[in-house]
Amino acid sequence: MARAPWHQRTWGGKRPGAGRPPGEPTRRVTARIPVALLDRLEDQAQQQGETLSALLVEAVRRYVEGSP
């Protein structure tokens, strides 16, 4: 949609609550996981209604913290 010639991009500014909520900083990693294990992880994530990333983060946290 074309804008009027008098329109300025700075009008309006940011809206409160717009955009993603601030969260924990993340960094992308690459891992090689056996296909059979990845299939099981994807099934588990789907059953729990989680993303694969969220499931992996929780598993790694438990491993690092020593929780069962």
C-alpha atoms as a PDB file:
ATOM      1  CA  MET A   1       0.000   0.000   0.000  1.00  0.00           C
ATOM      2  CA  ALA A   2       1.420   3.352  -1.002  1.00  0.00           C
ATOM      3  CA  ARG A   3       1.839   5.971   1.663  1.00  0.00           C
ATOM      4  CA  ALA A   4       0.887   9.580   1.400  1.00  0.00           C
ATOM      5  CA  PRO A   5       3.753  11.927   0.502  1.00  0.00           C
ATOM      6  CA  TRP A   6       3.497  13.672   3.889  1.00  0.00           C
ATOM      7  CA  HIS A   7       3.806  10.400   5.831  1.00  0.00           C
ATOM      8  CA  GLN A   8       6.913  10.114   7.971  1.00  0.00           C
ATOM      9  CA  ARG A   9       8.302   6.791   9.132  1.00  0.00           C
ATOM     10  CA  THR A  10       8.909   8.128  12.629  1.00  0.00           C
ATOM     11  CA  TRP A  11       5.248   8.856  13.304  1.00  0.00           C
ATOM     12  CA  GLY A  12       3.680   6.641  15.914  1.00  0.00           C
ATOM     13  CA  GLY A  13       6.736   4.982  17.344  1.00  0.00           C
ATOM     14  CA  LYS A  14       6.720   1.660  19.172  1.00  0.00           C
ATOM     15  CA  ARG A  15       3.484   0.444  20.703  1.00  0.00           C
ATOM     16  CA  PRO A  16       3.507  -0.874  24.268  1.00  0.00           C
ATOM     17  CA  GLY A  17       3.433  -4.659  24.237  1.00  0.00           C
ATOM     18  CA  ALA A  18       4.344  -4.938  20.557  1.00  0.00           C
ATOM     19  CA  GLY A  19       6.905  -7.495  19.438  1.00  0.00           C
ATOM     20  CA  ARG A  20       8.277 -10.531  21.182  1.00  0.00           C
ATOM     21  CA  PRO A  21       8.565 -10.449  24.949  1.00  0.00           C
ATOM     22  CA  PRO A  22      12.133 -10.249  26.222  1.00  0.00           C
ATOM     23  CA  GLY A  23      13.458 -13.646  27.112  1.00  0.00           C
ATOM     24  CA  GLU A  24      16.604 -15.496  27.973  1.00  0.00           C
ATOM     25  CA  PRO A  25      19.350 -14.853  25.394  1.00  0.00           C
ATOM     26  CA  THR A  26      19.902 -17.816  23.097  1.00  0.00           C
ATOM     27  CA  ARG A  27      22.513 -18.979  20.646  1.00  0.00           C
ATOM     28  CA  ARG A  28      22.114 -21.418  17.766  1.00  0.00           C
ATOM     29  CA  VAL A  29      24.008 -24.718  17.979  1.00  0.00           C
ATOM     30  CA  THR A  30      24.481 -27.593  15.579  1.00  0.00           C
ATOM     31  CA  ALA A  31      24.318 -31.191  16.754  1.00  0.00           C
ATOM     32  CA  ARG A  32      24.348 -34.547  15.033  1.00  0.00           C
ATOM     33  CA  ILE A  33      21.703 -36.816  16.551  1.00  0.00           C
ATOM     34  CA  PRO A  34      20.974 -40.370  15.383  1.00  0.00           C
ATOM     35  CA  VAL A  35      17.795 -40.481  13.313  1.00  0.00           C
ATOM     36  CA  ALA A  36      16.060 -43.058  15.530  1.00  0.00           C
ATOM     37  CA  LEU A  37      16.680 -40.951  18.643  1.00  0.00           C
ATOM     38  CA  LEU A  38      15.555 -37.772  16.907  1.00  0.00           C
ATOM     39  CA  ASP A  39      12.334 -39.479  15.819  1.00  0.00           C
ATOM     40  CA  ARG A  40      11.652 -40.474  19.439  1.00  0.00           C
ATOM     41  CA  LEU A  41      12.405 -36.932  20.625  1.00  0.00           C
ATOM     42  CA  GLU A  42      10.079 -35.403  18.037  1.00  0.00           C
ATOM     43  CA  ASP A  43       7.292 -37.806  19.062  1.00  0.00           C
ATOM     44  CA  GLN A  44       7.802 -36.944  22.727  1.00  0.00           C
ATOM     45  CA  ALA A  45       7.781 -33.218  22.001  1.00  0.00           C
ATOM     46  CA  GLN A  46       4.563 -33.537  20.034  1.00  0.00           C
ATOM     47  CA  GLN A  47       2.904 -35.565  22.805  1.00  0.00           C
ATOM     48  CA  GLN A  48       3.855 -32.917  25.361  1.00  0.00           C
ATOM     49  CA  GLY A  49       2.775 -30.066  23.098  1.00  0.00           C
ATOM     50  CA  GLU A  50       6.295 -28.617  23.112  1.00  0.00           C
ATOM     51  CA  THR A  51       8.754 -27.701  20.416  1.00  0.00           C
ATOM     52  CA  LEU A  52      11.758 -29.910  19.821  1.00  0.00           C
ATOM     53  CA  SER A  53      14.008 -27.044  20.920  1.00  0.00           C
ATOM     54  CA  ALA A  54      12.156 -26.635  24.219  1.00  0.00           C
ATOM     55  CA  LEU A  55      12.374 -30.371  24.888  1.00  0.00           C
ATOM     56  CA  LEU A  56      16.115 -30.431  24.145  1.00  0.00           C
ATOM     57  CA  VAL A  57      16.767 -27.373  26.328  1.00  0.00           C
ATOM     58  CA  GLU A  58      14.946 -29.013  29.239  1.00  0.00           C
ATOM     59  CA  ALA A  59      16.864 -32.282  28.774  1.00  0.00           C
ATOM     60  CA  VAL A  60      20.211 -30.485  28.663  1.00  0.00           C
ATOM     61  CA  ARG A  61      19.306 -28.423  31.748  1.00  0.00           C
ATOM     62  CA  ARG A  62      18.449 -31.569  33.675  1.00  0.00           C
ATOM     63  CA  TYR A  63      21.714 -33.190  32.573  1.00  0.00           C
ATOM     64  CA  VAL A  64      23.837 -30.189  33.511  1.00  0.00           C
ATOM     65  CA  GLU A  65      22.092 -29.655  36.856  1.00  0.00           C
ATOM     66  CA  GLY A  66      22.224 -33.363  37.673  1.00  0.00           C
ATOM     67  CA  SER A  67      18.441 -33.737  38.058  1.00  0.00           C
ATOM     68  CA  PRO A  68      16.764 -36.987  37.022  1.00  0.00           C
END
